[in-house]
Amino acid sequence: MKFKDRADAGQQLALLLSAYKHSPNVLVVGLVRGGVPVAAEIARELVVPLDIVVVRKIGAPGMPELAVGALTQTGQSILNYAMMQTMGITEQQIAPIIRQEQKELARRLSVYREDKKSPNYADKTVILVDDGIATGATMQAAIASVKELGAKRLVLAVPVCPAEVAQKLSELVDEFICLEQQPDYFPAVGYFYEHFEQVEDETVKSLMASIFSGAKK
């Protein structure tokens, strides 16, 4: 399965989430940045508010694209110690990387939220959305972040995810929805999209401005 773009993926996911339409205690939360356009389409279709969660990948020294962990929105690190041991990476080696990513996480939160406060997560059903999952490292941090905020029920909704990662993540949430859960070939999330342009800060801010404070009626 290939999606035209992130909006197309969001619209398809919204069909599977129709039971939550107009629900007063539902909040759609997109991972910055790529998950926000997907989440925005879901929020529009379900007529519920949109929020964001900012997490950061912790890349291996010299190989920033290879995740050995991730930071939650509060800056707490979740490390893959098994991978670190296999690669011979120590916590001391990644400490400077963690500090750098904590600064970037704080910067992004400031840029995206501006003067807007985070909505109340207590007693809410949160639909957590990304444009796809590869290793699951950043999604684990996002799940931890949403739980820290007090969500009552957590639904994970993504367009594509490797089967083994999907099984692991499904154990961390109340409901897992994925359009393409067992792709035979998974080189990268972008492979499953016809158009997969980088999502810019201004796009995230624009989507938040249109849906952040409440769903359009």
N, C-alpha and C. Protein backbone atom coordinates (compact mmCIF):
# COMPACT_ATOMS: atom_id res chain seq x y z
N MET A 1 0.84 -1.20 0.00
CA MET A 1 0.00 0.00 0.00
C MET A 1 0.87 1.24 0.00
N LYS A 2 0.52 2.21 -0.85
CA LYS A 2 1.20 3.50 -0.86
C LYS A 2 0.16 4.60 -0.70
N PHE A 3 0.53 5.61 0.08
CA PHE A 3 -0.36 6.74 0.32
C PHE A 3 0.07 7.90 -0.57
N LYS A 4 -0.91 8.67 -1.02
CA LYS A 4 -0.59 9.81 -1.87
C LYS A 4 0.28 10.80 -1.11
N ASP A 5 -0.12 11.14 0.10
CA ASP A 5 0.62 12.05 0.96
C ASP A 5 0.14 11.87 2.39
N ARG A 6 0.61 12.69 3.30
CA ARG A 6 0.21 12.56 4.71
C ARG A 6 -1.28 12.83 4.92
N ALA A 7 -1.83 13.76 4.16
CA ALA A 7 -3.26 14.06 4.29
C ALA A 7 -4.09 12.84 3.89
N ASP A 8 -3.70 12.16 2.83
CA ASP A 8 -4.39 10.96 2.39
C ASP A 8 -4.33 9.89 3.48
N ALA A 9 -3.18 9.71 4.09
CA ALA A 9 -3.04 8.73 5.16
C ALA A 9 -3.94 9.08 6.34
N GLY A 10 -4.01 10.37 6.67
CA GLY A 10 -4.86 10.80 7.77
C GLY A 10 -6.33 10.56 7.50
N GLN A 11 -6.74 10.81 6.28
CA GLN A 11 -8.14 10.61 5.91
C GLN A 11 -8.52 9.13 5.98
N GLN A 12 -7.59 8.26 5.56
CA GLN A 12 -7.87 6.82 5.63
C GLN A 12 -7.92 6.33 7.07
N LEU A 13 -7.05 6.85 7.90
CA LEU A 13 -7.08 6.48 9.32
C LEU A 13 -8.37 6.96 9.98
N ALA A 14 -8.82 8.15 9.59
CA ALA A 14 -10.03 8.71 10.20
C ALA A 14 -11.24 7.80 9.98
N LEU A 15 -11.27 7.10 8.86
CA LEU A 15 -12.38 6.18 8.59
C LEU A 15 -12.42 5.06 9.63
N LEU A 16 -11.26 4.64 10.09
CA LEU A 16 -11.19 3.57 11.07
C LEU A 16 -11.39 4.08 12.50
N LEU A 17 -11.42 5.40 12.63
CA LEU A 17 -11.58 6.02 13.95
C LEU A 17 -12.93 6.71 14.09
N SER A 18 -13.85 6.40 13.21
CA SER A 18 -15.13 7.13 13.15
C SER A 18 -15.93 7.00 14.44
N ALA A 19 -15.68 5.97 15.23
CA ALA A 19 -16.42 5.80 16.50
C ALA A 19 -16.13 6.94 17.47
N TYR A 20 -15.03 7.67 17.24
CA TYR A 20 -14.65 8.75 18.14
C TYR A 20 -15.13 10.12 17.66
N LYS A 21 -15.87 10.15 16.57
CA LYS A 21 -16.32 11.43 16.01
C LYS A 21 -17.23 12.18 16.99
N HIS A 22 -16.95 13.48 17.12
CA HIS A 22 -17.71 14.37 18.00
C HIS A 22 -17.63 13.98 19.48
N SER A 23 -16.68 13.12 19.84
CA SER A 23 -16.56 12.72 21.24
C SER A 23 -15.95 13.86 22.06
N PRO A 24 -16.59 14.31 23.13
CA PRO A 24 -16.11 15.47 23.88
C PRO A 24 -14.82 15.23 24.66
N ASN A 25 -14.50 13.97 24.93
CA ASN A 25 -13.31 13.67 25.72
C ASN A 25 -12.19 13.05 24.91
N VAL A 26 -12.18 13.34 23.61
CA VAL A 26 -11.15 12.81 22.71
C VAL A 26 -10.23 13.93 22.26
N LEU A 27 -8.93 13.63 22.24
CA LEU A 27 -7.91 14.58 21.80
C LEU A 27 -6.99 13.86 20.83
N VAL A 28 -6.77 14.44 19.66
CA VAL A 28 -5.84 13.88 18.68
C VAL A 28 -4.48 14.56 18.87
N VAL A 29 -3.43 13.77 18.97
CA VAL A 29 -2.09 14.30 19.23
C VAL A 29 -1.12 13.80 18.16
N GLY A 30 -0.49 14.72 17.45
CA GLY A 30 0.45 14.37 16.40
C GLY A 30 1.88 14.54 16.83
N LEU A 31 2.74 13.60 16.43
CA LEU A 31 4.16 13.74 16.67
C LEU A 31 4.75 14.79 15.74
N VAL A 32 5.49 15.71 16.32
CA VAL A 32 6.18 16.73 15.52
C VAL A 32 7.41 16.09 14.89
N ARG A 33 7.63 16.31 13.56
CA ARG A 33 6.80 17.17 12.73
C ARG A 33 5.88 16.35 11.84
N GLY A 34 6.39 15.23 11.32
CA GLY A 34 5.68 14.49 10.28
C GLY A 34 4.31 13.98 10.65
N GLY A 35 4.09 13.75 11.94
CA GLY A 35 2.79 13.23 12.34
C GLY A 35 1.69 14.26 12.40
N VAL A 36 2.06 15.54 12.41
CA VAL A 36 1.06 16.59 12.60
C VAL A 36 0.10 16.70 11.40
N PRO A 37 0.57 16.69 10.15
CA PRO A 37 -0.39 16.75 9.03
C PRO A 37 -1.34 15.56 9.00
N VAL A 38 -0.87 14.39 9.40
CA VAL A 38 -1.73 13.21 9.47
C VAL A 38 -2.77 13.40 10.58
N ALA A 39 -2.30 13.85 11.74
CA ALA A 39 -3.19 14.06 12.89
C ALA A 39 -4.21 15.15 12.61
N ALA A 40 -3.81 16.20 11.88
CA ALA A 40 -4.72 17.30 11.59
C ALA A 40 -5.91 16.82 10.77
N GLU A 41 -5.67 15.94 9.80
CA GLU A 41 -6.77 15.41 8.99
C GLU A 41 -7.72 14.58 9.85
N ILE A 42 -7.15 13.81 10.77
CA ILE A 42 -7.99 13.00 11.67
C ILE A 42 -8.83 13.90 12.56
N ALA A 43 -8.19 14.93 13.12
CA ALA A 43 -8.92 15.86 14.00
C ALA A 43 -10.05 16.55 13.26
N ARG A 44 -9.80 16.94 12.02
CA ARG A 44 -10.84 17.60 11.22
C ARG A 44 -12.01 16.65 10.98
N GLU A 45 -11.69 15.43 10.59
CA GLU A 45 -12.75 14.47 10.27
C GLU A 45 -13.55 14.06 11.50
N LEU A 46 -12.87 13.94 12.64
CA LEU A 46 -13.56 13.52 13.86
C LEU A 46 -14.19 14.69 14.60
N VAL A 47 -13.82 15.91 14.21
CA VAL A 47 -14.32 17.14 14.83
C VAL A 47 -13.94 17.16 16.32
N VAL A 48 -12.65 16.97 16.56
CA VAL A 48 -12.11 17.01 17.92
C VAL A 48 -10.84 17.86 17.90
N PRO A 49 -10.37 18.31 19.06
CA PRO A 49 -9.19 19.17 19.11
C PRO A 49 -7.90 18.44 18.74
N LEU A 50 -6.91 19.24 18.36
CA LEU A 50 -5.58 18.75 17.98
C LEU A 50 -4.53 19.30 18.94
N ASP A 51 -3.60 18.46 19.33
CA ASP A 51 -2.43 18.90 20.08
C ASP A 51 -1.20 18.23 19.49
N ILE A 52 -0.04 18.59 20.00
CA ILE A 52 1.21 18.01 19.51
C ILE A 52 1.98 17.40 20.68
N VAL A 53 2.87 16.48 20.34
CA VAL A 53 3.86 15.98 21.30
C VAL A 53 5.22 16.07 20.61
N VAL A 54 6.19 16.59 21.34
CA VAL A 54 7.54 16.76 20.80
C VAL A 54 8.47 15.78 21.49
N VAL A 55 9.03 14.87 20.73
CA VAL A 55 10.04 13.95 21.23
C VAL A 55 11.24 14.02 20.30
N ARG A 56 12.37 13.55 20.76
CA ARG A 56 13.58 13.63 19.94
C ARG A 56 14.30 12.28 19.94
N LYS A 57 14.75 11.91 18.76
CA LYS A 57 15.55 10.70 18.62
C LYS A 57 16.95 10.95 19.18
N ILE A 58 17.50 9.94 19.86
CA ILE A 58 18.89 9.99 20.30
C ILE A 58 19.70 9.13 19.34
N GLY A 59 20.46 9.79 18.49
CA GLY A 59 21.23 9.08 17.48
C GLY A 59 22.54 8.53 18.02
N ALA A 60 23.03 7.47 17.39
CA ALA A 60 24.32 6.89 17.77
C ALA A 60 25.44 7.86 17.42
N PRO A 61 26.52 7.89 18.19
CA PRO A 61 27.66 8.76 17.88
C PRO A 61 28.19 8.50 16.48
N GLY A 62 28.24 9.56 15.66
CA GLY A 62 28.72 9.44 14.29
C GLY A 62 27.70 8.90 13.32
N MET A 63 26.56 8.43 13.82
CA MET A 63 25.49 7.89 12.97
C MET A 63 24.16 8.44 13.48
N PRO A 64 23.89 9.73 13.26
CA PRO A 64 22.72 10.38 13.86
C PRO A 64 21.38 9.79 13.43
N GLU A 65 21.33 9.13 12.28
CA GLU A 65 20.05 8.57 11.82
C GLU A 65 19.71 7.25 12.50
N LEU A 66 20.69 6.63 13.17
CA LEU A 66 20.47 5.36 13.84
C LEU A 66 20.09 5.62 15.29
N ALA A 67 18.83 5.36 15.63
CA ALA A 67 18.33 5.67 16.97
C ALA A 67 18.77 4.62 17.98
N VAL A 68 19.39 5.08 19.05
CA VAL A 68 19.70 4.20 20.18
C VAL A 68 18.82 4.55 21.38
N GLY A 69 17.88 5.46 21.14
CA GLY A 69 16.96 5.87 22.18
C GLY A 69 16.19 7.09 21.74
N ALA A 70 15.45 7.67 22.69
CA ALA A 70 14.67 8.87 22.39
C ALA A 70 14.39 9.61 23.69
N LEU A 71 14.02 10.90 23.54
CA LEU A 71 13.66 11.73 24.68
C LEU A 71 12.16 11.94 24.73
N THR A 72 11.58 11.86 25.93
CA THR A 72 10.18 12.20 26.09
C THR A 72 10.04 13.71 26.05
N GLN A 73 8.80 14.19 26.04
CA GLN A 73 8.57 15.63 25.96
C GLN A 73 9.11 16.36 27.20
N THR A 74 9.23 15.66 28.31
CA THR A 74 9.79 16.27 29.51
C THR A 74 11.31 16.18 29.56
N GLY A 75 11.92 15.60 28.51
CA GLY A 75 13.37 15.52 28.44
C GLY A 75 13.98 14.27 29.05
N GLN A 76 13.13 13.31 29.45
CA GLN A 76 13.64 12.07 30.00
C GLN A 76 14.09 11.14 28.86
N SER A 77 15.19 10.45 29.07
CA SER A 77 15.73 9.58 28.02
C SER A 77 15.27 8.15 28.17
N ILE A 78 14.91 7.53 27.05
CA ILE A 78 14.59 6.11 26.98
C ILE A 78 15.62 5.48 26.05
N LEU A 79 16.50 4.67 26.61
CA LEU A 79 17.64 4.14 25.84
C LEU A 79 17.47 2.67 25.51
N ASN A 80 17.97 2.30 24.34
CA ASN A 80 18.00 0.90 23.92
C ASN A 80 19.35 0.32 24.34
N TYR A 81 19.41 -0.17 25.56
CA TYR A 81 20.68 -0.64 26.11
C TYR A 81 21.22 -1.85 25.36
N ALA A 82 20.33 -2.69 24.85
CA ALA A 82 20.78 -3.86 24.10
C ALA A 82 21.52 -3.43 22.83
N MET A 83 20.96 -2.46 22.12
CA MET A 83 21.62 -1.96 20.91
C MET A 83 22.93 -1.26 21.25
N MET A 84 22.91 -0.48 22.32
CA MET A 84 24.13 0.22 22.74
C MET A 84 25.24 -0.77 23.08
N GLN A 85 24.88 -1.85 23.76
CA GLN A 85 25.88 -2.85 24.12
C GLN A 85 26.44 -3.53 22.88
N THR A 86 25.56 -3.85 21.94
CA THR A 86 25.99 -4.50 20.70
C THR A 86 26.95 -3.61 19.93
N MET A 87 26.70 -2.30 19.95
CA MET A 87 27.53 -1.36 19.20
C MET A 87 28.70 -0.83 20.01
N GLY A 88 28.79 -1.22 21.27
CA GLY A 88 29.88 -0.75 22.10
C GLY A 88 29.77 0.72 22.47
N ILE A 89 28.53 1.21 22.63
CA ILE A 89 28.29 2.61 22.97
C ILE A 89 28.00 2.74 24.46
N THR A 90 28.67 3.67 25.11
CA THR A 90 28.45 3.89 26.54
C THR A 90 27.54 5.10 26.75
N GLU A 91 26.98 5.19 27.96
CA GLU A 91 26.14 6.34 28.29
C GLU A 91 26.94 7.63 28.28
N GLN A 92 28.20 7.55 28.64
CA GLN A 92 29.05 8.74 28.61
C GLN A 92 29.22 9.27 27.20
N GLN A 93 29.27 8.37 26.23
CA GLN A 93 29.44 8.79 24.83
C GLN A 93 28.21 9.52 24.29
N ILE A 94 27.04 9.11 24.75
CA ILE A 94 25.83 9.74 24.21
C ILE A 94 25.33 10.89 25.07
N ALA A 95 25.96 11.12 26.22
CA ALA A 95 25.52 12.21 27.10
C ALA A 95 25.51 13.56 26.39
N PRO A 96 26.56 13.92 25.61
CA PRO A 96 26.51 15.21 24.88
C PRO A 96 25.39 15.26 23.85
N ILE A 97 25.09 14.12 23.23
CA ILE A 97 24.01 14.06 22.24
C ILE A 97 22.67 14.28 22.93
N ILE A 98 22.50 13.70 24.10
CA ILE A 98 21.26 13.88 24.86
C ILE A 98 21.07 15.34 25.25
N ARG A 99 22.13 15.99 25.71
CA ARG A 99 22.03 17.40 26.09
C ARG A 99 21.65 18.27 24.89
N GLN A 100 22.23 17.98 23.74
CA GLN A 100 21.92 18.73 22.52
C GLN A 100 20.47 18.54 22.12
N GLU A 101 19.99 17.30 22.20
CA GLU A 101 18.60 17.02 21.81
C GLU A 101 17.62 17.61 22.81
N GLN A 102 17.98 17.69 24.08
CA GLN A 102 17.12 18.32 25.08
C GLN A 102 16.94 19.80 24.77
N LYS A 103 18.00 20.45 24.33
CA LYS A 103 17.91 21.86 23.94
C LYS A 103 17.02 22.04 22.72
N GLU A 104 17.18 21.15 21.75
CA GLU A 104 16.35 21.24 20.53
C GLU A 104 14.89 20.96 20.84
N LEU A 105 14.64 20.02 21.74
CA LEU A 105 13.26 19.71 22.15
C LEU A 105 12.60 20.94 22.78
N ALA A 106 13.32 21.60 23.68
CA ALA A 106 12.78 22.80 24.34
C ALA A 106 12.54 23.91 23.33
N ARG A 107 13.45 24.04 22.35
CA ARG A 107 13.29 25.08 21.33
C ARG A 107 12.03 24.83 20.51
N ARG A 108 11.82 23.59 20.11
CA ARG A 108 10.66 23.28 19.28
C ARG A 108 9.36 23.50 20.03
N LEU A 109 9.32 23.11 21.28
CA LEU A 109 8.11 23.34 22.07
C LEU A 109 7.79 24.82 22.13
N SER A 110 8.81 25.64 22.32
CA SER A 110 8.61 27.09 22.39
C SER A 110 8.12 27.64 21.06
N VAL A 111 8.69 27.16 19.97
CA VAL A 111 8.32 27.64 18.63
C VAL A 111 6.89 27.25 18.29
N TYR A 112 6.51 26.02 18.55
CA TYR A 112 5.20 25.52 18.13
C TYR A 112 4.07 26.00 19.02
N ARG A 113 4.31 26.02 20.31
CA ARG A 113 3.23 26.40 21.22
C ARG A 113 3.07 27.90 21.34
N GLU A 114 4.18 28.65 21.22
CA GLU A 114 4.16 30.09 21.41
C GLU A 114 3.50 30.38 22.77
N ASP A 115 2.38 31.07 22.79
CA ASP A 115 1.73 31.39 24.07
C ASP A 115 0.57 30.44 24.38
N LYS A 116 0.44 29.39 23.60
CA LYS A 116 -0.67 28.45 23.82
C LYS A 116 -0.31 27.45 24.90
N LYS A 117 -1.23 27.17 25.78
CA LYS A 117 -1.03 26.18 26.81
C LYS A 117 -1.46 24.81 26.31
N SER A 118 -0.82 23.79 26.84
CA SER A 118 -1.21 22.43 26.50
C SER A 118 -2.60 22.14 27.06
N PRO A 119 -3.47 21.48 26.30
CA PRO A 119 -4.79 21.14 26.82
C PRO A 119 -4.69 20.12 27.96
N ASN A 120 -5.74 19.98 28.70
CA ASN A 120 -5.78 19.03 29.81
C ASN A 120 -5.95 17.61 29.27
N TYR A 121 -5.03 16.72 29.63
CA TYR A 121 -5.09 15.34 29.16
C TYR A 121 -5.84 14.42 30.12
N ALA A 122 -6.06 14.88 31.33
CA ALA A 122 -6.70 14.03 32.34
C ALA A 122 -8.09 13.60 31.89
N ASP A 123 -8.38 12.31 32.06
CA ASP A 123 -9.68 11.73 31.71
C ASP A 123 -9.98 11.78 30.21
N LYS A 124 -8.96 11.99 29.39
CA LYS A 124 -9.15 12.05 27.94
C LYS A 124 -8.74 10.73 27.28
N THR A 125 -9.43 10.43 26.19
CA THR A 125 -8.94 9.40 25.27
C THR A 125 -8.06 10.10 24.26
N VAL A 126 -6.80 9.75 24.21
CA VAL A 126 -5.84 10.39 23.33
C VAL A 126 -5.55 9.48 22.14
N ILE A 127 -5.72 10.02 20.94
CA ILE A 127 -5.36 9.30 19.71
C ILE A 127 -4.00 9.83 19.28
N LEU A 128 -2.97 9.03 19.47
CA LEU A 128 -1.60 9.42 19.18
C LEU A 128 -1.25 9.02 17.75
N VAL A 129 -0.74 9.99 16.96
CA VAL A 129 -0.60 9.79 15.52
C VAL A 129 0.80 10.16 15.03
N ASP A 130 1.33 9.34 14.13
CA ASP A 130 2.55 9.69 13.41
C ASP A 130 2.35 9.30 11.95
N ASP A 131 3.28 9.71 11.08
CA ASP A 131 3.16 9.39 9.66
C ASP A 131 3.67 7.99 9.34
N GLY A 132 4.18 7.30 10.33
CA GLY A 132 4.68 5.94 10.18
C GLY A 132 5.67 5.64 11.27
N ILE A 133 5.92 4.36 11.48
CA ILE A 133 6.86 3.93 12.51
C ILE A 133 7.88 2.99 11.88
N ALA A 134 9.15 3.23 12.18
CA ALA A 134 10.21 2.35 11.69
C ALA A 134 10.74 1.49 12.83
N THR A 135 11.55 2.05 13.70
CA THR A 135 12.10 1.28 14.83
C THR A 135 11.21 1.33 16.06
N GLY A 136 10.39 2.37 16.19
CA GLY A 136 9.53 2.52 17.35
C GLY A 136 10.15 3.28 18.50
N ALA A 137 11.40 3.73 18.35
CA ALA A 137 12.09 4.41 19.45
C ALA A 137 11.40 5.72 19.83
N THR A 138 11.13 6.58 18.84
CA THR A 138 10.49 7.87 19.16
C THR A 138 9.04 7.67 19.58
N MET A 139 8.38 6.66 19.05
CA MET A 139 6.99 6.43 19.45
C MET A 139 6.91 5.97 20.90
N GLN A 140 7.86 5.18 21.35
CA GLN A 140 7.87 4.79 22.76
C GLN A 140 7.99 6.02 23.65
N ALA A 141 8.82 6.98 23.24
CA ALA A 141 8.97 8.22 24.00
C ALA A 141 7.68 9.03 23.96
N ALA A 142 7.00 9.03 22.81
CA ALA A 142 5.73 9.76 22.69
C ALA A 142 4.66 9.14 23.58
N ILE A 143 4.60 7.80 23.60
CA ILE A 143 3.64 7.11 24.45
C ILE A 143 3.90 7.45 25.92
N ALA A 144 5.17 7.42 26.30
CA ALA A 144 5.52 7.76 27.69
C ALA A 144 5.13 9.20 28.01
N SER A 145 5.34 10.11 27.04
CA SER A 145 5.00 11.51 27.25
C SER A 145 3.51 11.71 27.49
N VAL A 146 2.69 11.06 26.68
CA VAL A 146 1.24 11.19 26.81
C VAL A 146 0.75 10.58 28.12
N LYS A 147 1.35 9.48 28.52
CA LYS A 147 0.97 8.87 29.80
C LYS A 147 1.35 9.78 30.95
N GLU A 148 2.50 10.44 30.85
CA GLU A 148 2.93 11.39 31.89
C GLU A 148 1.94 12.53 32.03
N LEU A 149 1.28 12.89 30.93
CA LEU A 149 0.32 13.99 30.95
C LEU A 149 -1.04 13.56 31.50
N GLY A 150 -1.22 12.27 31.76
CA GLY A 150 -2.41 11.82 32.45
C GLY A 150 -3.54 11.29 31.59
N ALA A 151 -3.26 10.91 30.35
CA ALA A 151 -4.32 10.38 29.48
C ALA A 151 -4.98 9.16 30.12
N LYS A 152 -6.30 9.11 30.03
CA LYS A 152 -7.05 7.98 30.60
C LYS A 152 -6.97 6.76 29.70
N ARG A 153 -7.04 6.98 28.37
CA ARG A 153 -7.01 5.89 27.41
C ARG A 153 -6.17 6.33 26.23
N LEU A 154 -5.37 5.41 25.71
CA LEU A 154 -4.43 5.77 24.64
C LEU A 154 -4.64 4.89 23.42
N VAL A 155 -4.93 5.54 22.29
CA VAL A 155 -5.10 4.87 21.00
C VAL A 155 -3.93 5.28 20.11
N LEU A 156 -3.21 4.32 19.59
CA LEU A 156 -2.11 4.59 18.67
C LEU A 156 -2.59 4.35 17.25
N ALA A 157 -2.48 5.38 16.39
CA ALA A 157 -2.97 5.27 15.01
C ALA A 157 -1.89 5.73 14.05
N VAL A 158 -1.44 4.83 13.18
CA VAL A 158 -0.39 5.14 12.22
C VAL A 158 -0.71 4.49 10.88
N PRO A 159 -0.19 5.05 9.79
CA PRO A 159 -0.44 4.46 8.48
C PRO A 159 0.32 3.16 8.24
N VAL A 160 1.59 3.10 8.72
CA VAL A 160 2.43 1.94 8.40
C VAL A 160 3.40 1.66 9.53
N CYS A 161 3.67 0.36 9.74
CA CYS A 161 4.56 -0.05 10.82
C CYS A 161 5.00 -1.50 10.59
N PRO A 162 6.28 -1.83 10.80
CA PRO A 162 6.70 -3.23 10.69
C PRO A 162 5.96 -4.10 11.72
N ALA A 163 5.67 -5.32 11.36
CA ALA A 163 4.86 -6.20 12.20
C ALA A 163 5.45 -6.40 13.58
N GLU A 164 6.77 -6.62 13.65
CA GLU A 164 7.38 -6.91 14.95
C GLU A 164 7.35 -5.69 15.87
N VAL A 165 7.47 -4.49 15.27
CA VAL A 165 7.40 -3.26 16.06
C VAL A 165 5.95 -3.02 16.50
N ALA A 166 5.02 -3.29 15.61
CA ALA A 166 3.60 -3.12 15.93
C ALA A 166 3.20 -3.98 17.12
N GLN A 167 3.69 -5.20 17.17
CA GLN A 167 3.36 -6.10 18.27
C GLN A 167 3.88 -5.55 19.59
N LYS A 168 5.09 -5.02 19.57
CA LYS A 168 5.69 -4.47 20.79
C LYS A 168 4.94 -3.24 21.28
N LEU A 169 4.61 -2.34 20.35
CA LEU A 169 3.94 -1.09 20.73
C LEU A 169 2.50 -1.34 21.16
N SER A 170 1.86 -2.32 20.57
CA SER A 170 0.46 -2.60 20.92
C SER A 170 0.31 -2.98 22.39
N GLU A 171 1.39 -3.47 22.98
CA GLU A 171 1.35 -3.84 24.40
C GLU A 171 1.41 -2.62 25.31
N LEU A 172 1.76 -1.47 24.75
CA LEU A 172 1.92 -0.25 25.55
C LEU A 172 0.70 0.66 25.49
N VAL A 173 -0.28 0.33 24.62
CA VAL A 173 -1.45 1.20 24.44
C VAL A 173 -2.73 0.39 24.60
N ASP A 174 -3.86 1.09 24.66
CA ASP A 174 -5.15 0.42 24.81
C ASP A 174 -5.71 -0.07 23.48
N GLU A 175 -5.35 0.62 22.41
CA GLU A 175 -5.83 0.24 21.08
C GLU A 175 -4.79 0.63 20.05
N PHE A 176 -4.54 -0.25 19.10
CA PHE A 176 -3.55 0.01 18.06
C PHE A 176 -4.22 -0.12 16.70
N ILE A 177 -4.13 0.93 15.89
CA ILE A 177 -4.72 0.94 14.55
C ILE A 177 -3.62 1.26 13.54
N CYS A 178 -3.47 0.40 12.55
CA CYS A 178 -2.45 0.59 11.53
C CYS A 178 -3.00 0.12 10.19
N LEU A 179 -2.86 0.94 9.17
CA LEU A 179 -3.39 0.61 7.85
C LEU A 179 -2.56 -0.46 7.15
N GLU A 180 -1.25 -0.44 7.37
CA GLU A 180 -0.33 -1.40 6.73
C GLU A 180 0.59 -1.92 7.83
N GLN A 181 0.19 -3.02 8.46
CA GLN A 181 0.86 -3.46 9.66
C GLN A 181 1.97 -4.47 9.40
N GLN A 182 1.94 -5.12 8.27
CA GLN A 182 2.94 -6.16 8.03
C GLN A 182 3.56 -6.05 6.63
N PRO A 183 4.17 -4.90 6.33
CA PRO A 183 4.82 -4.79 5.02
C PRO A 183 5.99 -5.75 4.92
N ASP A 184 6.10 -6.43 3.78
CA ASP A 184 7.19 -7.39 3.60
C ASP A 184 8.54 -6.69 3.44
N TYR A 185 8.48 -5.47 2.95
CA TYR A 185 9.72 -4.72 2.68
C TYR A 185 9.59 -3.36 3.32
N PHE A 186 10.50 -3.00 4.24
CA PHE A 186 10.37 -1.75 4.99
C PHE A 186 11.71 -1.01 5.00
N PRO A 187 12.05 -0.35 3.90
CA PRO A 187 13.32 0.40 3.88
C PRO A 187 13.26 1.69 4.69
N ALA A 188 12.09 2.37 4.69
CA ALA A 188 11.90 3.62 5.41
C ALA A 188 10.44 4.00 5.31
N VAL A 189 9.98 4.87 6.23
CA VAL A 189 8.58 5.30 6.21
C VAL A 189 8.23 5.97 4.88
N GLY A 190 9.13 6.81 4.38
CA GLY A 190 8.87 7.54 3.14
C GLY A 190 8.63 6.66 1.93
N TYR A 191 9.08 5.42 1.97
CA TYR A 191 8.89 4.49 0.87
C TYR A 191 7.41 4.24 0.60
N PHE A 192 6.58 4.39 1.62
CA PHE A 192 5.16 4.08 1.50
C PHE A 192 4.31 5.29 1.12
N TYR A 193 4.97 6.37 0.71
CA TYR A 193 4.28 7.59 0.27
C TYR A 193 4.74 7.99 -1.13
N GLU A 194 3.79 8.47 -1.93
CA GLU A 194 4.14 9.04 -3.23
C GLU A 194 4.79 10.40 -3.06
N HIS A 195 4.29 11.17 -2.11
CA HIS A 195 4.85 12.49 -1.79
C HIS A 195 5.15 12.53 -0.30
N PHE A 196 6.42 12.75 0.04
CA PHE A 196 6.85 12.70 1.43
C PHE A 196 7.83 13.84 1.71
N GLU A 197 7.35 15.07 1.46
CA GLU A 197 8.20 16.22 1.66
C GLU A 197 8.42 16.47 3.15
N GLN A 198 9.53 17.14 3.46
CA GLN A 198 9.79 17.50 4.85
C GLN A 198 8.74 18.48 5.34
N VAL A 199 8.27 18.27 6.55
CA VAL A 199 7.29 19.16 7.16
C VAL A 199 8.03 20.28 7.88
N GLU A 200 7.73 21.51 7.51
CA GLU A 200 8.42 22.67 8.08
C GLU A 200 7.74 23.16 9.35
N ASP A 201 8.48 23.92 10.14
CA ASP A 201 7.93 24.50 11.37
C ASP A 201 6.66 25.31 11.10
N GLU A 202 6.66 26.09 10.03
CA GLU A 202 5.51 26.95 9.74
C GLU A 202 4.26 26.13 9.44
N THR A 203 4.44 24.97 8.84
CA THR A 203 3.29 24.09 8.57
C THR A 203 2.68 23.60 9.88
N VAL A 204 3.54 23.20 10.81
CA VAL A 204 3.05 22.74 12.12
C VAL A 204 2.31 23.86 12.83
N LYS A 205 2.88 25.06 12.83
CA LYS A 205 2.25 26.19 13.50
C LYS A 205 0.92 26.55 12.86
N SER A 206 0.85 26.48 11.54
CA SER A 206 -0.39 26.79 10.84
C SER A 206 -1.50 25.80 11.18
N LEU A 207 -1.15 24.52 11.21
CA LEU A 207 -2.14 23.50 11.54
C LEU A 207 -2.62 23.64 12.98
N MET A 208 -1.70 23.96 13.88
CA MET A 208 -2.08 24.15 15.27
C MET A 208 -2.99 25.37 15.43
N ALA A 209 -2.70 26.41 14.69
CA ALA A 209 -3.51 27.63 14.79
C ALA A 209 -4.93 27.38 14.33
N SER A 210 -5.11 26.48 13.37
CA SER A 210 -6.44 26.25 12.81
C SER A 210 -7.27 25.27 13.63
N ILE A 211 -6.60 24.39 14.39
CA ILE A 211 -7.35 23.34 15.08
C ILE A 211 -7.02 23.26 16.56
N PHE A 212 -5.91 23.87 16.99
CA PHE A 212 -5.39 23.67 18.34
C PHE A 212 -6.41 23.94 19.44
N SER A 213 -7.04 25.09 19.41
CA SER A 213 -7.86 25.50 20.54
C SER A 213 -9.22 24.82 20.60
N GLY A 214 -9.54 24.09 19.56
CA GLY A 214 -10.82 23.38 19.57
C GLY A 214 -11.21 22.97 18.17
N ALA A 215 -12.00 21.94 18.06
CA ALA A 215 -12.38 21.44 16.75
C ALA A 215 -13.35 22.40 16.07
N LYS A 216 -13.25 22.43 14.75
CA LYS A 216 -14.21 23.21 13.98
C LYS A 216 -15.56 22.52 13.96
N LYS A 217 -16.60 23.25 14.21
CA LYS A 217 -17.94 22.65 14.26
C LYS A 217 -18.62 22.75 12.90
